[in-house]
Amino acid sequence: MACCKKHKRQRFIKQVKSFCNSLYLNIKSGFKHVTHEDYNDRISICKACPFLNYKDDICQECGCYIKIKARLKVEDCPQNYWKKID
């Protein structure tokens, strides 16, 4: 049980770091959005990903809400399924 708690804590810390980094990059870029086509492509990829929590639409790898993350240009997939757009 202690191992499970340690794993959850490590995942939480990873998610907080990911959130802080994403927030910084998006503030710096002015929260620029991808095109509607790119957004739909990203969402389609996420919907087929084994790391997606379907109930909440949250990536279990980075902890982000995919409907928000997929919309932002400076974001990329932690599993490299899609890249940020310059």
N, C-alpha and C. Protein backbone atom coordinates (compact mmCIF):
# COMPACT_ATOMS: atom_id res chain seq x y z
N MET A 1 0.83 -1.19 0.00
CA MET A 1 0.00 0.00 0.00
C MET A 1 0.87 1.25 0.00
N ALA A 2 1.97 1.26 0.71
CA ALA A 2 2.86 2.42 0.74
C ALA A 2 3.43 2.71 -0.65
N CYS A 3 3.67 1.64 -1.41
CA CYS A 3 4.18 1.79 -2.77
C CYS A 3 3.14 2.49 -3.65
N CYS A 4 1.88 2.14 -3.48
CA CYS A 4 0.80 2.75 -4.25
C CYS A 4 0.68 4.24 -3.93
N LYS A 5 0.78 4.59 -2.66
CA LYS A 5 0.71 6.00 -2.26
C LYS A 5 1.90 6.77 -2.82
N LYS A 6 3.07 6.16 -2.80
CA LYS A 6 4.26 6.80 -3.34
C LYS A 6 4.11 7.03 -4.83
N HIS A 7 3.57 6.06 -5.55
CA HIS A 7 3.35 6.19 -6.98
C HIS A 7 2.36 7.31 -7.28
N LYS A 8 1.28 7.38 -6.52
CA LYS A 8 0.27 8.43 -6.71
C LYS A 8 0.88 9.81 -6.44
N ARG A 9 1.68 9.90 -5.41
CA ARG A 9 2.33 11.16 -5.07
C ARG A 9 3.29 11.59 -6.17
N GLN A 10 4.07 10.65 -6.71
CA GLN A 10 5.00 10.97 -7.79
C GLN A 10 4.25 11.42 -9.04
N ARG A 11 3.14 10.77 -9.34
CA ARG A 11 2.33 11.15 -10.50
C ARG A 11 1.74 12.55 -10.29
N PHE A 12 1.28 12.83 -9.08
CA PHE A 12 0.71 14.14 -8.78
C PHE A 12 1.78 15.23 -8.95
N ILE A 13 2.97 14.99 -8.44
CA ILE A 13 4.06 15.97 -8.57
C ILE A 13 4.39 16.19 -10.04
N LYS A 14 4.42 15.13 -10.82
CA LYS A 14 4.67 15.23 -12.26
C LYS A 14 3.58 16.06 -12.93
N GLN A 15 2.33 15.86 -12.55
CA GLN A 15 1.23 16.61 -13.13
C GLN A 15 1.29 18.09 -12.75
N VAL A 16 1.65 18.40 -11.53
CA VAL A 16 1.78 19.79 -11.11
C VAL A 16 2.90 20.48 -11.89
N LYS A 17 4.03 19.81 -12.06
CA LYS A 17 5.12 20.38 -12.84
C LYS A 17 4.69 20.60 -14.29
N SER A 18 3.97 19.65 -14.85
CA SER A 18 3.48 19.77 -16.22
C SER A 18 2.53 20.96 -16.34
N PHE A 19 1.64 21.12 -15.37
CA PHE A 19 0.70 22.24 -15.39
C PHE A 19 1.43 23.57 -15.32
N CYS A 20 2.39 23.69 -14.41
CA CYS A 20 3.14 24.94 -14.25
C CYS A 20 3.92 25.28 -15.53
N ASN A 21 4.53 24.29 -16.14
CA ASN A 21 5.26 24.51 -17.38
C ASN A 21 4.31 24.94 -18.50
N SER A 22 3.16 24.28 -18.59
CA SER A 22 2.17 24.63 -19.61
C SER A 22 1.65 26.04 -19.40
N LEU A 23 1.36 26.39 -18.18
CA LEU A 23 0.87 27.73 -17.88
C LEU A 23 1.90 28.78 -18.31
N TYR A 24 3.15 28.57 -17.96
CA TYR A 24 4.21 29.50 -18.35
C TYR A 24 4.29 29.64 -19.87
N LEU A 25 4.34 28.52 -20.60
CA LEU A 25 4.47 28.57 -22.05
C LEU A 25 3.27 29.26 -22.70
N ASN A 26 2.08 29.02 -22.17
CA ASN A 26 0.89 29.63 -22.75
C ASN A 26 0.79 31.11 -22.44
N ILE A 27 1.20 31.52 -21.27
CA ILE A 27 1.23 32.96 -20.96
C ILE A 27 2.22 33.64 -21.90
N LYS A 28 3.38 33.03 -22.04
CA LYS A 28 4.43 33.58 -22.90
C LYS A 28 3.96 33.70 -24.35
N SER A 29 3.19 32.74 -24.84
CA SER A 29 2.75 32.74 -26.23
C SER A 29 1.46 33.53 -26.46
N GLY A 30 0.80 33.92 -25.39
CA GLY A 30 -0.46 34.64 -25.53
C GLY A 30 -1.65 33.73 -25.72
N PHE A 31 -1.54 32.49 -25.29
CA PHE A 31 -2.62 31.50 -25.37
C PHE A 31 -3.14 31.34 -26.80
N LYS A 32 -2.23 31.22 -27.75
CA LYS A 32 -2.63 31.07 -29.16
C LYS A 32 -3.22 29.68 -29.39
N HIS A 33 -4.28 29.65 -30.21
CA HIS A 33 -5.00 28.41 -30.50
C HIS A 33 -4.61 27.83 -31.85
N VAL A 34 -4.77 26.53 -31.98
CA VAL A 34 -4.58 25.85 -33.25
C VAL A 34 -5.83 26.03 -34.11
N THR A 35 -5.74 25.63 -35.36
CA THR A 35 -6.92 25.69 -36.23
C THR A 35 -7.94 24.65 -35.77
N HIS A 36 -9.16 24.81 -36.24
CA HIS A 36 -10.22 23.86 -35.90
C HIS A 36 -9.86 22.46 -36.40
N GLU A 37 -9.25 22.40 -37.57
CA GLU A 37 -8.84 21.10 -38.14
C GLU A 37 -7.77 20.43 -37.28
N ASP A 38 -6.75 21.21 -36.87
CA ASP A 38 -5.69 20.65 -36.01
C ASP A 38 -6.26 20.20 -34.66
N TYR A 39 -7.17 20.98 -34.13
CA TYR A 39 -7.82 20.62 -32.86
C TYR A 39 -8.54 19.28 -32.98
N ASN A 40 -9.33 19.13 -34.03
CA ASN A 40 -10.06 17.87 -34.23
C ASN A 40 -9.12 16.69 -34.43
N ASP A 41 -8.01 16.91 -35.14
CA ASP A 41 -7.01 15.85 -35.32
C ASP A 41 -6.42 15.43 -33.98
N ARG A 42 -6.09 16.39 -33.16
CA ARG A 42 -5.52 16.10 -31.85
C ARG A 42 -6.51 15.35 -30.96
N ILE A 43 -7.74 15.80 -30.94
CA ILE A 43 -8.77 15.15 -30.12
C ILE A 43 -8.98 13.71 -30.58
N SER A 44 -8.99 13.48 -31.89
CA SER A 44 -9.15 12.12 -32.42
C SER A 44 -8.02 11.21 -31.95
N ILE A 45 -6.81 11.75 -31.95
CA ILE A 45 -5.65 10.98 -31.48
C ILE A 45 -5.80 10.68 -29.99
N CYS A 46 -6.18 11.68 -29.22
CA CYS A 46 -6.35 11.50 -27.77
C CYS A 46 -7.45 10.47 -27.45
N LYS A 47 -8.52 10.50 -28.20
CA LYS A 47 -9.64 9.58 -27.95
C LYS A 47 -9.23 8.12 -28.15
N ALA A 48 -8.19 7.90 -28.96
CA ALA A 48 -7.71 6.53 -29.22
C ALA A 48 -6.54 6.15 -28.31
N CYS A 49 -6.12 7.04 -27.44
CA CYS A 49 -4.93 6.82 -26.60
C CYS A 49 -5.26 6.00 -25.36
N PRO A 50 -4.39 5.05 -25.00
CA PRO A 50 -4.62 4.26 -23.79
C PRO A 50 -4.45 5.05 -22.49
N PHE A 51 -3.85 6.24 -22.56
CA PHE A 51 -3.65 7.06 -21.37
C PHE A 51 -4.82 7.99 -21.07
N LEU A 52 -5.85 7.97 -21.93
CA LEU A 52 -6.99 8.86 -21.72
C LEU A 52 -7.93 8.29 -20.66
N ASN A 53 -8.28 9.14 -19.70
CA ASN A 53 -9.34 8.83 -18.74
C ASN A 53 -10.64 9.30 -19.39
N TYR A 54 -11.39 8.37 -19.96
CA TYR A 54 -12.59 8.71 -20.74
C TYR A 54 -13.66 9.41 -19.91
N LYS A 55 -13.76 9.05 -18.67
CA LYS A 55 -14.80 9.63 -17.82
C LYS A 55 -14.64 11.14 -17.70
N ASP A 56 -13.40 11.60 -17.51
CA ASP A 56 -13.14 13.01 -17.27
C ASP A 56 -12.43 13.72 -18.42
N ASP A 57 -12.10 12.99 -19.50
CA ASP A 57 -11.32 13.54 -20.61
C ASP A 57 -10.00 14.14 -20.14
N ILE A 58 -9.31 13.40 -19.28
CA ILE A 58 -8.03 13.83 -18.73
C ILE A 58 -6.95 12.84 -19.17
N CYS A 59 -5.82 13.38 -19.60
CA CYS A 59 -4.67 12.55 -19.94
C CYS A 59 -4.05 12.05 -18.63
N GLN A 60 -3.95 10.75 -18.49
CA GLN A 60 -3.38 10.20 -17.26
C GLN A 60 -1.87 10.34 -17.21
N GLU A 61 -1.25 10.65 -18.34
CA GLU A 61 0.20 10.84 -18.37
C GLU A 61 0.59 12.22 -17.84
N CYS A 62 -0.08 13.27 -18.33
CA CYS A 62 0.29 14.62 -17.92
C CYS A 62 -0.72 15.28 -16.98
N GLY A 63 -1.93 14.73 -16.91
CA GLY A 63 -2.95 15.27 -16.02
C GLY A 63 -3.77 16.41 -16.61
N CYS A 64 -3.58 16.69 -17.88
CA CYS A 64 -4.28 17.82 -18.52
C CYS A 64 -5.65 17.40 -19.06
N TYR A 65 -6.55 18.38 -19.11
CA TYR A 65 -7.83 18.18 -19.78
C TYR A 65 -7.56 18.28 -21.28
N ILE A 66 -7.84 17.20 -22.00
CA ILE A 66 -7.46 17.16 -23.40
C ILE A 66 -8.20 18.21 -24.24
N LYS A 67 -9.41 18.56 -23.87
CA LYS A 67 -10.16 19.54 -24.65
C LYS A 67 -9.54 20.93 -24.55
N ILE A 68 -8.78 21.17 -23.51
CA ILE A 68 -8.06 22.45 -23.38
C ILE A 68 -6.68 22.33 -24.00
N LYS A 69 -5.96 21.29 -23.62
CA LYS A 69 -4.59 21.13 -24.09
C LYS A 69 -4.52 21.02 -25.61
N ALA A 70 -5.44 20.31 -26.22
CA ALA A 70 -5.43 20.11 -27.67
C ALA A 70 -5.68 21.41 -28.43
N ARG A 71 -6.26 22.39 -27.79
CA ARG A 71 -6.60 23.66 -28.45
C ARG A 71 -5.41 24.63 -28.50
N LEU A 72 -4.40 24.42 -27.67
CA LEU A 72 -3.32 25.39 -27.51
C LEU A 72 -2.08 25.03 -28.34
N LYS A 73 -1.57 26.00 -29.09
CA LYS A 73 -0.46 25.78 -30.02
C LYS A 73 0.82 25.27 -29.35
N VAL A 74 1.14 25.77 -28.18
CA VAL A 74 2.42 25.44 -27.56
C VAL A 74 2.42 24.08 -26.84
N GLU A 75 1.29 23.41 -26.84
CA GLU A 75 1.18 22.13 -26.15
C GLU A 75 1.55 20.97 -27.08
N ASP A 76 2.07 19.92 -26.47
CA ASP A 76 2.34 18.69 -27.20
C ASP A 76 1.95 17.50 -26.34
N CYS A 77 1.84 16.36 -26.97
CA CYS A 77 1.45 15.14 -26.28
C CYS A 77 2.66 14.56 -25.55
N PRO A 78 2.50 14.17 -24.28
CA PRO A 78 3.63 13.59 -23.54
C PRO A 78 4.09 12.25 -24.11
N GLN A 79 3.26 11.62 -24.92
CA GLN A 79 3.62 10.37 -25.56
C GLN A 79 4.06 10.57 -27.03
N ASN A 80 4.18 11.83 -27.43
CA ASN A 80 4.60 12.21 -28.79
C ASN A 80 3.65 11.77 -29.89
N TYR A 81 2.36 11.68 -29.57
CA TYR A 81 1.37 11.35 -30.60
C TYR A 81 1.07 12.58 -31.45
N TRP A 82 1.21 13.78 -30.89
CA TRP A 82 1.10 15.02 -31.66
C TRP A 82 2.03 16.07 -31.07
N LYS A 83 2.48 16.99 -31.90
CA LYS A 83 3.48 17.99 -31.51
C LYS A 83 2.88 19.38 -31.42
N LYS A 84 3.62 20.28 -30.77
CA LYS A 84 3.20 21.68 -30.73
C LYS A 84 3.34 22.26 -32.13
N ILE A 85 2.61 23.33 -32.36
CA ILE A 85 2.61 23.98 -33.66
C ILE A 85 3.28 25.35 -33.51
N ASP A 86 4.30 25.57 -34.31
CA ASP A 86 5.00 26.87 -34.24
C ASP A 86 4.30 27.93 -35.05
